[in-house]
Amino acid sequence: MTRLSDRKTRLIIETADVVRERGKSREVIIEPSPYIAVIRLKGRRQRLEVSWAGIYMFAARVAADKARAEKKAARKAGKR
């Protein structure tokens, strides 16, 4: 497997996810680099930079929230 830091050419990933902005549906584009990921919408110049650690922490928080909501729903269903 090739490491991202070993690549000589820029990698651009066009995802299947779509975001509606300013009346148009636009695909999400990701440009990964060894330290950050640049996220933008196709056809837009605005770019958002996020660290890989930040992405991991966000995903961990979402997973914890989901597990907490499932436990709460199970407790609520058990009381009935």
N, C-alpha and C. Protein backbone atom coordinates (compact mmCIF):
# COMPACT_ATOMS: atom_id res chain seq x y z
N MET A 1 0.84 -1.17 0.00
CA MET A 1 0.00 0.00 0.00
C MET A 1 0.89 1.24 0.00
N THR A 2 0.57 2.20 -0.82
CA THR A 2 1.34 3.43 -0.94
C THR A 2 0.87 4.42 0.12
N ARG A 3 1.82 5.02 0.79
CA ARG A 3 1.50 6.05 1.78
C ARG A 3 1.16 7.35 1.07
N LEU A 4 0.29 8.11 1.66
CA LEU A 4 -0.11 9.40 1.08
C LEU A 4 1.09 10.33 0.98
N SER A 5 2.00 10.26 1.95
CA SER A 5 3.17 11.14 1.94
C SER A 5 4.17 10.76 0.85
N ASP A 6 4.07 9.54 0.29
CA ASP A 6 4.99 9.10 -0.76
C ASP A 6 4.52 9.46 -2.16
N ARG A 7 3.26 9.91 -2.30
CA ARG A 7 2.72 10.24 -3.62
C ARG A 7 3.40 11.46 -4.21
N LYS A 8 3.61 11.45 -5.50
CA LYS A 8 4.20 12.60 -6.18
C LYS A 8 3.13 13.45 -6.87
N THR A 9 1.98 12.86 -7.16
CA THR A 9 0.89 13.60 -7.79
C THR A 9 -0.20 13.89 -6.77
N ARG A 10 -0.93 14.94 -7.01
CA ARG A 10 -2.01 15.35 -6.12
C ARG A 10 -3.19 14.41 -6.29
N LEU A 11 -3.80 14.01 -5.20
CA LEU A 11 -4.94 13.12 -5.22
C LEU A 11 -6.21 13.94 -4.98
N ILE A 12 -7.19 13.79 -5.85
CA ILE A 12 -8.47 14.48 -5.70
C ILE A 12 -9.57 13.42 -5.73
N ILE A 13 -10.40 13.41 -4.69
CA ILE A 13 -11.47 12.42 -4.58
C ILE A 13 -12.81 13.13 -4.69
N GLU A 14 -13.61 12.73 -5.66
CA GLU A 14 -14.96 13.26 -5.80
C GLU A 14 -15.90 12.24 -5.19
N THR A 15 -16.54 12.60 -4.08
CA THR A 15 -17.39 11.66 -3.37
C THR A 15 -18.77 11.58 -4.00
N ALA A 16 -19.53 10.61 -3.57
CA ALA A 16 -20.90 10.45 -4.05
C ALA A 16 -21.87 11.30 -3.22
N ASP A 17 -21.37 11.90 -2.15
CA ASP A 17 -22.22 12.73 -1.29
C ASP A 17 -22.49 14.07 -1.96
N VAL A 18 -23.70 14.59 -1.79
CA VAL A 18 -24.11 15.84 -2.43
C VAL A 18 -24.62 16.79 -1.36
N VAL A 19 -24.22 18.05 -1.47
CA VAL A 19 -24.67 19.10 -0.56
C VAL A 19 -25.38 20.16 -1.39
N ARG A 20 -26.51 20.64 -0.89
CA ARG A 20 -27.24 21.68 -1.61
C ARG A 20 -26.76 23.04 -1.08
N GLU A 21 -26.21 23.86 -1.98
CA GLU A 21 -25.74 25.18 -1.61
C GLU A 21 -26.10 26.17 -2.70
N ARG A 22 -26.66 27.29 -2.28
CA ARG A 22 -27.06 28.36 -3.21
C ARG A 22 -27.92 27.85 -4.35
N GLY A 23 -28.86 26.96 -4.01
CA GLY A 23 -29.82 26.48 -4.99
C GLY A 23 -29.33 25.39 -5.92
N LYS A 24 -28.10 24.92 -5.72
CA LYS A 24 -27.56 23.85 -6.58
C LYS A 24 -27.08 22.69 -5.73
N SER A 25 -27.20 21.50 -6.27
CA SER A 25 -26.64 20.33 -5.62
C SER A 25 -25.20 20.18 -6.10
N ARG A 26 -24.27 20.11 -5.16
CA ARG A 26 -22.86 20.05 -5.51
C ARG A 26 -22.20 18.86 -4.83
N GLU A 27 -21.32 18.18 -5.58
CA GLU A 27 -20.59 17.05 -5.03
C GLU A 27 -19.51 17.55 -4.07
N VAL A 28 -19.20 16.73 -3.09
CA VAL A 28 -18.15 17.05 -2.13
C VAL A 28 -16.83 16.52 -2.68
N ILE A 29 -15.82 17.39 -2.71
CA ILE A 29 -14.49 17.04 -3.21
C ILE A 29 -13.52 17.05 -2.03
N ILE A 30 -12.68 16.02 -1.94
CA ILE A 30 -11.68 15.93 -0.89
C ILE A 30 -10.30 15.87 -1.54
N GLU A 31 -9.40 16.72 -1.06
CA GLU A 31 -8.01 16.73 -1.52
C GLU A 31 -7.13 16.40 -0.32
N PRO A 32 -6.79 15.12 -0.13
CA PRO A 32 -5.98 14.75 1.03
C PRO A 32 -4.50 15.07 0.84
N SER A 33 -3.87 15.41 1.93
CA SER A 33 -2.42 15.58 1.98
C SER A 33 -1.95 14.88 3.25
N PRO A 34 -0.66 14.74 3.47
CA PRO A 34 -0.21 13.98 4.64
C PRO A 34 -0.69 14.54 5.99
N TYR A 35 -0.88 15.85 6.10
CA TYR A 35 -1.21 16.43 7.40
C TYR A 35 -2.64 16.95 7.51
N ILE A 36 -3.23 17.35 6.41
CA ILE A 36 -4.58 17.90 6.43
C ILE A 36 -5.39 17.35 5.26
N ALA A 37 -6.69 17.57 5.34
CA ALA A 37 -7.57 17.29 4.20
C ALA A 37 -8.26 18.60 3.84
N VAL A 38 -8.31 18.90 2.56
CA VAL A 38 -9.01 20.08 2.08
C VAL A 38 -10.35 19.59 1.54
N ILE A 39 -11.42 20.16 2.04
CA ILE A 39 -12.77 19.76 1.63
C ILE A 39 -13.41 20.95 0.96
N ARG A 40 -14.01 20.71 -0.21
CA ARG A 40 -14.68 21.79 -0.92
C ARG A 40 -15.86 21.21 -1.69
N LEU A 41 -16.67 22.07 -2.24
CA LEU A 41 -17.77 21.65 -3.09
C LEU A 41 -17.39 21.88 -4.54
N LYS A 42 -17.79 20.97 -5.40
CA LYS A 42 -17.45 21.07 -6.81
C LYS A 42 -18.04 22.36 -7.38
N GLY A 43 -17.22 23.13 -8.06
CA GLY A 43 -17.65 24.37 -8.66
C GLY A 43 -17.56 25.57 -7.74
N ARG A 44 -17.07 25.39 -6.52
CA ARG A 44 -16.93 26.49 -5.56
C ARG A 44 -15.47 26.66 -5.21
N ARG A 45 -15.06 27.87 -4.89
CA ARG A 45 -13.67 28.15 -4.54
C ARG A 45 -13.42 28.04 -3.04
N GLN A 46 -14.48 28.13 -2.23
CA GLN A 46 -14.30 28.06 -0.78
C GLN A 46 -13.74 26.69 -0.40
N ARG A 47 -12.67 26.72 0.39
CA ARG A 47 -12.00 25.49 0.80
C ARG A 47 -11.95 25.45 2.32
N LEU A 48 -12.19 24.28 2.88
CA LEU A 48 -12.12 24.10 4.32
C LEU A 48 -11.00 23.13 4.61
N GLU A 49 -10.07 23.52 5.47
CA GLU A 49 -8.97 22.65 5.85
C GLU A 49 -9.26 22.04 7.20
N VAL A 50 -9.01 20.74 7.32
CA VAL A 50 -9.22 20.06 8.59
C VAL A 50 -8.11 19.03 8.77
N SER A 51 -7.63 18.89 10.00
CA SER A 51 -6.56 17.93 10.26
C SER A 51 -7.16 16.53 10.34
N TRP A 52 -6.34 15.53 10.12
CA TRP A 52 -6.80 14.15 10.21
C TRP A 52 -7.19 13.83 11.64
N ALA A 53 -6.49 14.39 12.61
CA ALA A 53 -6.84 14.19 14.02
C ALA A 53 -8.22 14.79 14.32
N GLY A 54 -8.50 15.95 13.71
CA GLY A 54 -9.80 16.58 13.88
C GLY A 54 -10.92 15.73 13.31
N ILE A 55 -10.68 15.12 12.16
CA ILE A 55 -11.68 14.23 11.56
C ILE A 55 -11.92 13.03 12.47
N TYR A 56 -10.84 12.46 13.03
CA TYR A 56 -10.97 11.32 13.92
C TYR A 56 -11.77 11.70 15.17
N MET A 57 -11.43 12.83 15.77
CA MET A 57 -12.13 13.26 16.99
C MET A 57 -13.61 13.51 16.72
N PHE A 58 -13.93 14.08 15.57
CA PHE A 58 -15.33 14.31 15.22
C PHE A 58 -16.07 12.99 15.05
N ALA A 59 -15.43 12.03 14.36
CA ALA A 59 -16.05 10.72 14.16
C ALA A 59 -16.25 9.99 15.49
N ALA A 60 -15.28 10.11 16.39
CA ALA A 60 -15.41 9.48 17.71
C ALA A 60 -16.57 10.09 18.49
N ARG A 61 -16.72 11.41 18.42
CA ARG A 61 -17.82 12.08 19.10
C ARG A 61 -19.17 11.66 18.53
N VAL A 62 -19.27 11.54 17.21
CA VAL A 62 -20.51 11.10 16.57
C VAL A 62 -20.86 9.68 17.00
N ALA A 63 -19.85 8.79 17.04
CA ALA A 63 -20.08 7.41 17.46
C ALA A 63 -20.53 7.34 18.92
N ALA A 64 -19.92 8.14 19.78
CA ALA A 64 -20.32 8.16 21.19
C ALA A 64 -21.75 8.68 21.35
N ASP A 65 -22.09 9.72 20.62
CA ASP A 65 -23.46 10.26 20.67
C ASP A 65 -24.47 9.23 20.19
N LYS A 66 -24.12 8.51 19.14
CA LYS A 66 -25.01 7.48 18.60
C LYS A 66 -25.21 6.36 19.62
N ALA A 67 -24.13 5.91 20.25
CA ALA A 67 -24.23 4.85 21.27
C ALA A 67 -25.06 5.32 22.45
N ARG A 68 -24.87 6.58 22.87
CA ARG A 68 -25.64 7.13 23.98
C ARG A 68 -27.13 7.19 23.63
N ALA A 69 -27.45 7.59 22.42
CA ALA A 69 -28.86 7.66 21.99
C ALA A 69 -29.48 6.27 21.92
N GLU A 70 -28.72 5.27 21.47
CA GLU A 70 -29.24 3.90 21.42
C GLU A 70 -29.51 3.36 22.82
N LYS A 71 -28.61 3.63 23.77
CA LYS A 71 -28.82 3.19 25.15
C LYS A 71 -30.05 3.86 25.75
N LYS A 72 -30.21 5.15 25.47
CA LYS A 72 -31.37 5.89 25.99
C LYS A 72 -32.66 5.33 25.41
N ALA A 73 -32.66 5.01 24.11
CA ALA A 73 -33.85 4.45 23.48
C ALA A 73 -34.16 3.06 24.06
N ALA A 74 -33.13 2.27 24.33
CA ALA A 74 -33.33 0.94 24.91
C ALA A 74 -33.91 1.05 26.32
N ARG A 75 -33.40 2.00 27.12
CA ARG A 75 -33.95 2.19 28.47
C ARG A 75 -35.41 2.64 28.40
N LYS A 76 -35.69 3.53 27.46
CA LYS A 76 -37.06 4.04 27.31
C LYS A 76 -38.00 2.92 26.88
N ALA A 77 -37.54 2.05 25.97
CA ALA A 77 -38.37 0.93 25.52
C ALA A 77 -38.58 -0.08 26.62
N GLY A 78 -37.60 -0.24 27.52
CA GLY A 78 -37.70 -1.18 28.63
C GLY A 78 -38.67 -0.74 29.70
N LYS A 79 -38.91 0.55 29.85
CA LYS A 79 -39.82 1.08 30.86
C LYS A 79 -41.26 0.85 30.48
N ARG A 80 -41.54 0.70 29.22
CA ARG A 80 -42.93 0.56 28.76
C ARG A 80 -43.46 -0.79 29.00
